[in-house]
């Protein structure tokens, strides 16, 4: 349940917000939800007391989730797939001056760390899908679709150095998976091939080995000082 402080932070201090999920990926259908993600900047004085502001807030709207700026940057530097994709959504709903600075830093967060995080996340989700098959005879097809999408996105990021989250021409093939029209054995074969392609791309990726942590930290410190009035 959202607290009054959390709701106030999201409503009054959001610096960036966007639509994510199927609508951002180009996979929306008539029954798709609208998933909103955002970043808020907790005022610097709110850190001075014993009670610190939250690192994230769920709500206040349905399907809405926001991170405090520092937490968001930490996760992006670690190449968290969900956070990196949030920075590259084509459906930006709000970006103030700080939000636009954050968007201008998108390349600073990208590194070959994405190879480990994208593939590791995918393997974890794959195990869950296998458990579904054992328990129910079939996976959650929507999750299978998004896993294929994520593996393809990670592969292309490692190959090109650019993160594109729209699926483009792959839309119909992915939606066929969501509808359960592709046998599970074939879906697994595609997952395995995509994971191998991620490994191959990582060895010659144009991405730097590590993100530009110093550049991101300078932005964070400057933003905190401005918020403190100093």
C-alpha atoms as a PDB file:
ATOM      1  CA  UNK A   1       0.000   0.000   0.000  1.00  0.00           C
ATOM      2  CA  UNK A   2       1.387   3.385  -0.996  1.00  0.00           C
ATOM      3  CA  UNK A   3       2.213   5.780   1.826  1.00  0.00           C
ATOM      4  CA  UNK A   4       1.323   9.512   1.829  1.00  0.00           C
ATOM      5  CA  UNK A   5       5.038  10.306   1.524  1.00  0.00           C
ATOM      6  CA  UNK A   6       5.444   7.985  -1.450  1.00  0.00           C
ATOM      7  CA  UNK A   7       2.419   9.374  -3.223  1.00  0.00           C
ATOM      8  CA  UNK A   8       3.631  12.943  -2.667  1.00  0.00           C
ATOM      9  CA  UNK A   9       7.091  12.124  -4.031  1.00  0.00           C
ATOM     10  CA  UNK A  10       5.641  10.634  -7.204  1.00  0.00           C
ATOM     11  CA  UNK A  11       3.048  13.358  -7.736  1.00  0.00           C
ATOM     12  CA  UNK A  12       5.272  16.341  -6.933  1.00  0.00           C
ATOM     13  CA  UNK A  13       8.848  15.252  -7.654  1.00  0.00           C
ATOM     14  CA  UNK A  14       8.773  13.005 -10.717  1.00  0.00           C
ATOM     15  CA  UNK A  15      11.524  14.029 -13.148  1.00  0.00           C
ATOM     16  CA  UNK A  16      10.896  11.381 -15.796  1.00  0.00           C
ATOM     17  CA  UNK A  17       8.038   9.059 -16.667  1.00  0.00           C
ATOM     18  CA  UNK A  18       7.237   6.799 -19.564  1.00  0.00           C
ATOM     19  CA  UNK A  19       5.049   3.943 -20.748  1.00  0.00           C
ATOM     20  CA  UNK A  20       6.670   0.523 -20.768  1.00  0.00           C
ATOM     21  CA  UNK A  21       5.537  -3.054 -21.334  1.00  0.00           C
ATOM     22  CA  UNK A  22       3.790  -4.257 -24.456  1.00  0.00           C
ATOM     23  CA  UNK A  23       2.844  -0.764 -25.593  1.00  0.00           C
ATOM     24  CA  UNK A  24       6.486   0.355 -25.670  1.00  0.00           C
ATOM     25  CA  UNK A  25       7.680  -2.900 -27.217  1.00  0.00           C
ATOM     26  CA  UNK A  26       5.188  -2.754 -30.079  1.00  0.00           C
ATOM     27  CA  UNK A  27       3.382  -5.862 -28.796  1.00  0.00           C
ATOM     28  CA  UNK A  28       0.164  -4.302 -27.508  1.00  0.00           C
ATOM     29  CA  UNK A  29      -3.185  -5.872 -28.274  1.00  0.00           C
ATOM     30  CA  UNK A  30      -6.699  -4.734 -27.419  1.00  0.00           C
ATOM     31  CA  UNK A  31      -6.491  -6.163 -23.892  1.00  0.00           C
ATOM     32  CA  UNK A  32      -3.009  -4.882 -23.012  1.00  0.00           C
ATOM     33  CA  UNK A  33      -2.469  -2.911 -19.811  1.00  0.00           C
ATOM     34  CA  UNK A  34      -0.663   0.422 -19.771  1.00  0.00           C
ATOM     35  CA  UNK A  35       2.452   0.023 -17.621  1.00  0.00           C
ATOM     36  CA  UNK A  36       3.952   3.281 -16.405  1.00  0.00           C
ATOM     37  CA  UNK A  37       7.460   3.696 -14.994  1.00  0.00           C
ATOM     38  CA  UNK A  38       9.043   6.809 -13.545  1.00  0.00           C
ATOM     39  CA  UNK A  39      11.908   8.387 -11.665  1.00  0.00           C
ATOM     40  CA  UNK A  40      11.431  10.862  -8.815  1.00  0.00           C
ATOM     41  CA  UNK A  41      13.996  13.093  -7.135  1.00  0.00           C
ATOM     42  CA  UNK A  42      13.530  13.091  -3.374  1.00  0.00           C
ATOM     43  CA  UNK A  43      14.390  16.593  -2.052  1.00  0.00           C
ATOM     44  CA  UNK A  44      17.885  16.567  -0.574  1.00  0.00           C
ATOM     45  CA  UNK A  45      16.752  17.733   2.910  1.00  0.00           C
ATOM     46  CA  UNK A  46      14.569  14.628   3.173  1.00  0.00           C
ATOM     47  CA  UNK A  47      17.762  12.580   3.618  1.00  0.00           C
ATOM     48  CA  UNK A  48      18.986  14.588   6.605  1.00  0.00           C
ATOM     49  CA  UNK A  49      16.739  13.055   9.244  1.00  0.00           C
ATOM     50  CA  UNK A  50      16.545   9.512  10.576  1.00  0.00           C
ATOM     51  CA  UNK A  51      13.693   8.543   8.251  1.00  0.00           C
ATOM     52  CA  UNK A  52      14.938   8.347   4.672  1.00  0.00           C
ATOM     53  CA  UNK A  53      12.754   8.619   1.582  1.00  0.00           C
ATOM     54  CA  UNK A  54      11.815   5.334  -0.128  1.00  0.00           C
ATOM     55  CA  UNK A  55      14.024   3.939  -2.887  1.00  0.00           C
ATOM     56  CA  UNK A  56      10.938   3.088  -4.929  1.00  0.00           C
ATOM     57  CA  UNK A  57       7.180   3.587  -4.899  1.00  0.00           C
ATOM     58  CA  UNK A  58       4.450   1.398  -6.346  1.00  0.00           C
ATOM     59  CA  UNK A  59       1.484   3.503  -7.447  1.00  0.00           C
ATOM     60  CA  UNK A  60      -0.476   5.660  -6.951  1.00  0.00           C
ATOM     61  CA  UNK A  61      -2.045   4.627 -10.274  1.00  0.00           C
ATOM     62  CA  UNK A  62      -2.554   1.006 -11.301  1.00  0.00           C
ATOM     63  CA  UNK A  63       0.440  -0.532 -13.099  1.00  0.00           C
ATOM     64  CA  UNK A  64       2.656   2.387 -12.003  1.00  0.00           C
ATOM     65  CA  UNK A  65       6.129   2.002 -10.461  1.00  0.00           C
ATOM     66  CA  UNK A  66       8.774   4.659  -9.753  1.00  0.00           C
ATOM     67  CA  UNK A  67      12.355   4.697  -8.496  1.00  0.00           C
ATOM     68  CA  UNK A  68      14.181   7.400  -6.579  1.00  0.00           C
ATOM     69  CA  UNK A  69      16.858   8.851  -8.841  1.00  0.00           C
ATOM     70  CA  UNK A  70      19.856   7.410  -6.985  1.00  0.00           C
ATOM     71  CA  UNK A  71      18.396   3.908  -6.883  1.00  0.00           C
ATOM     72  CA  UNK A  72      17.494   4.137 -10.553  1.00  0.00           C
ATOM     73  CA  UNK A  73      21.058   5.139 -11.470  1.00  0.00           C
ATOM     74  CA  UNK A  74      22.519   2.337  -9.354  1.00  0.00           C
ATOM     75  CA  UNK A  75      20.389  -0.258 -11.114  1.00  0.00           C
ATOM     76  CA  UNK A  76      21.114   1.185 -14.549  1.00  0.00           C
ATOM     77  CA  UNK A  77      24.867   1.097 -13.873  1.00  0.00           C
ATOM     78  CA  UNK A  78      24.456  -2.595 -13.035  1.00  0.00           C
ATOM     79  CA  UNK A  79      22.763  -3.062 -16.436  1.00  0.00           C
ATOM     80  CA  UNK A  80      19.416  -4.040 -14.939  1.00  0.00           C
ATOM     81  CA  UNK A  81      17.350  -4.855 -18.063  1.00  0.00           C
ATOM     82  CA  UNK A  82      14.078  -3.317 -16.843  1.00  0.00           C
ATOM     83  CA  UNK A  83      15.740  -0.049 -15.849  1.00  0.00           C
ATOM     84  CA  UNK A  84      17.855   0.273 -18.998  1.00  0.00           C
ATOM     85  CA  UNK A  85      14.794  -0.299 -21.156  1.00  0.00           C
ATOM     86  CA  UNK A  86      12.912   2.352 -19.190  1.00  0.00           C
ATOM     87  CA  UNK A  87      15.499   4.909 -20.323  1.00  0.00           C
ATOM     88  CA  UNK A  88      14.907   3.964 -23.952  1.00  0.00           C
ATOM     89  CA  UNK A  89      11.113   3.915 -24.060  1.00  0.00           C
ATOM     90  CA  UNK A  90       9.704   5.576 -27.185  1.00  0.00           C
ATOM     91  CA  UNK A  91       6.664   6.640 -25.131  1.00  0.00           C
ATOM     92  CA  UNK A  92       7.946   9.386 -22.834  1.00  0.00           C
ATOM     93  CA  UNK A  93       5.152  11.103 -20.940  1.00  0.00           C
ATOM     94  CA  UNK A  94       7.146  13.590 -18.845  1.00  0.00           C
ATOM     95  CA  UNK A  95      10.724  14.823 -18.590  1.00  0.00           C
ATOM     96  CA  UNK A  96      11.679  18.010 -16.761  1.00  0.00           C
ATOM     97  CA  UNK A  97      15.171  19.530 -16.856  1.00  0.00           C
ATOM     98  CA  UNK A  98      16.602  16.789 -14.627  1.00  0.00           C
ATOM     99  CA  UNK A  99      14.767  14.129 -16.583  1.00  0.00           C
ATOM    100  CA  UNK A 100      16.200  15.402 -19.848  1.00  0.00           C
ATOM    101  CA  UNK A 101      19.694  15.329 -18.319  1.00  0.00           C
ATOM    102  CA  UNK A 102      19.069  11.741 -17.286  1.00  0.00           C
ATOM    103  CA  UNK A 103      18.006  10.818 -20.814  1.00  0.00           C
ATOM    104  CA  UNK A 104      21.131  12.495 -22.184  1.00  0.00           C
ATOM    105  CA  UNK A 105      23.155  10.086 -20.027  1.00  0.00           C
ATOM    106  CA  UNK A 106      21.663   6.949 -21.563  1.00  0.00           C
ATOM    107  CA  UNK A 107      24.901   5.897 -23.264  1.00  0.00           C
ATOM    108  CA  UNK A 108      26.873   6.318 -20.024  1.00  0.00           C
ATOM    109  CA  UNK A 109      24.926   3.434 -18.478  1.00  0.00           C
ATOM    110  CA  UNK A 110      25.529   0.973 -21.315  1.00  0.00           C
ATOM    111  CA  UNK A 111      28.324  -1.556 -21.078  1.00  0.00           C
ATOM    112  CA  UNK A 112      29.158  -5.186 -21.710  1.00  0.00           C
ATOM    113  CA  UNK A 113      27.716  -5.901 -18.279  1.00  0.00           C
ATOM    114  CA  UNK A 114      24.431  -6.205 -20.172  1.00  0.00           C
ATOM    115  CA  UNK A 115      25.565  -9.603 -21.435  1.00  0.00           C
ATOM    116  CA  UNK A 116      25.497 -11.066 -17.948  1.00  0.00           C
ATOM    117  CA  UNK A 117      22.352  -9.359 -16.719  1.00  0.00           C
ATOM    118  CA  UNK A 118      20.155  -9.926 -19.766  1.00  0.00           C
ATOM    119  CA  UNK A 119      21.123 -13.580 -20.172  1.00  0.00           C
ATOM    120  CA  UNK A 120      21.105 -14.292 -16.434  1.00  0.00           C
ATOM    121  CA  UNK A 121      17.609 -12.801 -16.084  1.00  0.00           C
ATOM    122  CA  UNK A 122      16.453 -14.809 -19.096  1.00  0.00           C
ATOM    123  CA  UNK A 123      17.817 -18.064 -17.669  1.00  0.00           C
ATOM    124  CA  UNK A 124      16.001 -17.422 -14.394  1.00  0.00           C
ATOM    125  CA  UNK A 125      12.740 -16.831 -16.223  1.00  0.00           C
ATOM    126  CA  UNK A 126      13.322 -19.898 -18.374  1.00  0.00           C
ATOM    127  CA  UNK A 127      13.536 -22.087 -15.272  1.00  0.00           C
ATOM    128  CA  UNK A 128      10.180 -20.713 -14.126  1.00  0.00           C
ATOM    129  CA  UNK A 129       8.653 -21.528 -17.505  1.00  0.00           C
ATOM    130  CA  UNK A 130      10.025 -25.072 -17.300  1.00  0.00           C
ATOM    131  CA  UNK A 131       8.391 -25.431 -13.892  1.00  0.00           C
ATOM    132  CA  UNK A 132       5.088 -24.314 -15.418  1.00  0.00           C
ATOM    133  CA  UNK A 133       5.414 -26.973 -18.118  1.00  0.00           C
ATOM    134  CA  UNK A 134       6.060 -29.679 -15.535  1.00  0.00           C
ATOM    135  CA  UNK A 135       3.183 -28.560 -13.341  1.00  0.00           C
ATOM    136  CA  UNK A 136       0.583 -27.589 -15.918  1.00  0.00           C
ATOM    137  CA  UNK A 137       1.719 -29.016 -19.253  1.00  0.00           C
ATOM    138  CA  UNK A 138       2.377 -25.592 -20.759  1.00  0.00           C
ATOM    139  CA  UNK A 139       4.290 -22.414 -19.922  1.00  0.00           C
ATOM    140  CA  UNK A 140       2.836 -18.986 -19.407  1.00  0.00           C
ATOM    141  CA  UNK A 141       2.934 -18.081 -23.059  1.00  0.00           C
ATOM    142  CA  UNK A 142       2.972 -14.325 -22.484  1.00  0.00           C
ATOM    143  CA  UNK A 143       6.109 -14.692 -20.360  1.00  0.00           C
ATOM    144  CA  UNK A 144       7.675 -16.911 -23.005  1.00  0.00           C
ATOM    145  CA  UNK A 145       7.049 -14.217 -25.601  1.00  0.00           C
ATOM    146  CA  UNK A 146       8.669 -11.515 -23.492  1.00  0.00           C
ATOM    147  CA  UNK A 147      11.643 -13.749 -22.744  1.00  0.00           C
ATOM    148  CA  UNK A 148      12.306 -14.169 -26.460  1.00  0.00           C
ATOM    149  CA  UNK A 149      11.951 -10.428 -26.916  1.00  0.00           C
ATOM    150  CA  UNK A 150      14.414  -9.700 -24.106  1.00  0.00           C
ATOM    151  CA  UNK A 151      17.023 -12.110 -25.440  1.00  0.00           C
ATOM    152  CA  UNK A 152      16.773 -10.558 -28.908  1.00  0.00           C
ATOM    153  CA  UNK A 153      17.035  -7.063 -27.412  1.00  0.00           C
ATOM    154  CA  UNK A 154      20.152  -8.005 -25.444  1.00  0.00           C
ATOM    155  CA  UNK A 155      21.765  -9.596 -28.483  1.00  0.00           C
ATOM    156  CA  UNK A 156      21.149  -6.523 -30.623  1.00  0.00           C
ATOM    157  CA  UNK A 157      22.447  -4.223 -27.878  1.00  0.00           C
ATOM    158  CA  UNK A 158      25.694  -6.198 -27.708  1.00  0.00           C
ATOM    159  CA  UNK A 159      25.995  -6.249 -31.494  1.00  0.00           C
ATOM    160  CA  UNK A 160      25.281  -2.583 -32.169  1.00  0.00           C
ATOM    161  CA  UNK A 161      25.917  -0.729 -28.906  1.00  0.00           C
ATOM    162  CA  UNK A 162      22.365   0.661 -29.074  1.00  0.00           C
ATOM    163  CA  UNK A 163      19.338  -0.460 -27.066  1.00  0.00           C
ATOM    164  CA  UNK A 164      16.183  -0.612 -29.149  1.00  0.00           C
ATOM    165  CA  UNK A 165      13.145  -2.006 -27.409  1.00  0.00           C
ATOM    166  CA  UNK A 166      10.608  -1.980 -30.228  1.00  0.00           C
ATOM    167  CA  UNK A 167      10.290  -5.436 -31.807  1.00  0.00           C
ATOM    168  CA  UNK A 168       9.558  -4.187 -35.328  1.00  0.00           C
ATOM    169  CA  UNK A 169       9.019  -6.986 -37.848  1.00  0.00           C
ATOM    170  CA  UNK A 170       9.244  -9.638 -35.121  1.00  0.00           C
ATOM    171  CA  UNK A 171       5.828  -8.601 -33.763  1.00  0.00           C
ATOM    172  CA  UNK A 172       3.655 -11.246 -35.428  1.00  0.00           C
ATOM    173  CA  UNK A 173       6.022 -14.096 -34.620  1.00  0.00           C
ATOM    174  CA  UNK A 174       6.158 -13.081 -30.979  1.00  0.00           C
ATOM    175  CA  UNK A 175       2.391 -12.701 -30.737  1.00  0.00           C
ATOM    176  CA  UNK A 176       2.033 -16.211 -32.169  1.00  0.00           C
ATOM    177  CA  UNK A 177       4.083 -17.419 -29.190  1.00  0.00           C
ATOM    178  CA  UNK A 178       1.839 -15.479 -26.818  1.00  0.00           C
ATOM    179  CA  UNK A 179      -1.222 -17.175 -28.329  1.00  0.00           C
ATOM    180  CA  UNK A 180       0.352 -20.608 -27.756  1.00  0.00           C
ATOM    181  CA  UNK A 181       0.601 -21.313 -31.481  1.00  0.00           C
ATOM    182  CA  UNK A 182       4.306 -22.240 -31.344  1.00  0.00           C
ATOM    183  CA  UNK A 183       5.227 -25.566 -29.713  1.00  0.00           C
ATOM    184  CA  UNK A 184       7.170 -25.267 -26.467  1.00  0.00           C
ATOM    185  CA  UNK A 185      10.037 -27.306 -27.917  1.00  0.00           C
ATOM    186  CA  UNK A 186      10.414 -24.739 -30.709  1.00  0.00           C
ATOM    187  CA  UNK A 187      10.262 -21.843 -28.259  1.00  0.00           C
ATOM    188  CA  UNK A 188      13.033 -23.461 -26.219  1.00  0.00           C
ATOM    189  CA  UNK A 189      15.095 -23.957 -29.358  1.00  0.00           C
ATOM    190  CA  UNK A 190      14.760 -20.250 -30.157  1.00  0.00           C
ATOM    191  CA  UNK A 191      15.718 -19.294 -26.610  1.00  0.00           C
ATOM    192  CA  UNK A 192      18.836 -21.447 -26.767  1.00  0.00           C
ATOM    193  CA  UNK A 193      19.851 -19.970 -30.100  1.00  0.00           C
ATOM    194  CA  UNK A 194      19.330 -16.409 -28.868  1.00  0.00           C
ATOM    195  CA  UNK A 195      21.366 -17.085 -25.720  1.00  0.00           C
ATOM    196  CA  UNK A 196      24.207 -18.408 -27.888  1.00  0.00           C
ATOM    197  CA  UNK A 197      23.970 -15.336 -30.108  1.00  0.00           C
ATOM    198  CA  UNK A 198      24.252 -13.143 -26.998  1.00  0.00           C
ATOM    199  CA  UNK A 199      27.446 -14.986 -26.046  1.00  0.00           C
ATOM    200  CA  UNK A 200      28.885 -14.559 -29.532  1.00  0.00           C
ATOM    201  CA  UNK A 201      28.004 -10.859 -29.662  1.00  0.00           C
ATOM    202  CA  UNK A 202      29.570 -10.168 -26.267  1.00  0.00           C
ATOM    203  CA  UNK A 203      33.026 -11.214 -27.454  1.00  0.00           C
ATOM    204  CA  UNK A 204      33.200  -8.439 -30.070  1.00  0.00           C
ATOM    205  CA  UNK A 205      30.705  -5.900 -28.764  1.00  0.00           C
ATOM    206  CA  UNK A 206      31.385  -2.179 -29.375  1.00  0.00           C
ATOM    207  CA  UNK A 207      30.172  -1.476 -25.841  1.00  0.00           C
ATOM    208  CA  UNK A 208      32.776  -0.524 -23.211  1.00  0.00           C
ATOM    209  CA  UNK A 209      33.588  -3.119 -20.543  1.00  0.00           C
ATOM    210  CA  UNK A 210      32.165  -0.886 -17.791  1.00  0.00           C
ATOM    211  CA  UNK A 211      29.653   1.980 -17.640  1.00  0.00           C
ATOM    212  CA  UNK A 212      30.764   5.587 -17.121  1.00  0.00           C
ATOM    213  CA  UNK A 213      30.158   5.642 -13.376  1.00  0.00           C
ATOM    214  CA  UNK A 214      32.015   8.920 -12.812  1.00  0.00           C
ATOM    215  CA  UNK A 215      29.852  10.794 -15.294  1.00  0.00           C
ATOM    216  CA  UNK A 216      26.669   9.448 -13.732  1.00  0.00           C
ATOM    217  CA  UNK A 217      27.857  10.218 -10.207  1.00  0.00           C
ATOM    218  CA  UNK A 218      28.749  13.796 -11.187  1.00  0.00           C
ATOM    219  CA  UNK A 219      25.186  14.213 -12.477  1.00  0.00           C
ATOM    220  CA  UNK A 220      23.734  12.794  -9.261  1.00  0.00           C
ATOM    221  CA  UNK A 221      25.849  15.017  -7.008  1.00  0.00           C
ATOM    222  CA  UNK A 222      25.047  18.104  -9.056  1.00  0.00           C
ATOM    223  CA  UNK A 223      21.349  17.288  -8.895  1.00  0.00           C
ATOM    224  CA  UNK A 224      21.420  16.745  -5.127  1.00  0.00           C
ATOM    225  CA  UNK A 225      23.214  20.064  -4.591  1.00  0.00           C
ATOM    226  CA  UNK A 226      20.682  21.904  -6.719  1.00  0.00           C
ATOM    227  CA  UNK A 227      17.850  20.325  -4.741  1.00  0.00           C
ATOM    228  CA  UNK A 228      19.499  21.418  -1.486  1.00  0.00           C
ATOM    229  CA  UNK A 229      19.699  24.970  -2.764  1.00  0.00           C
ATOM    230  CA  UNK A 230      23.469  24.922  -2.795  1.00  0.00           C
END
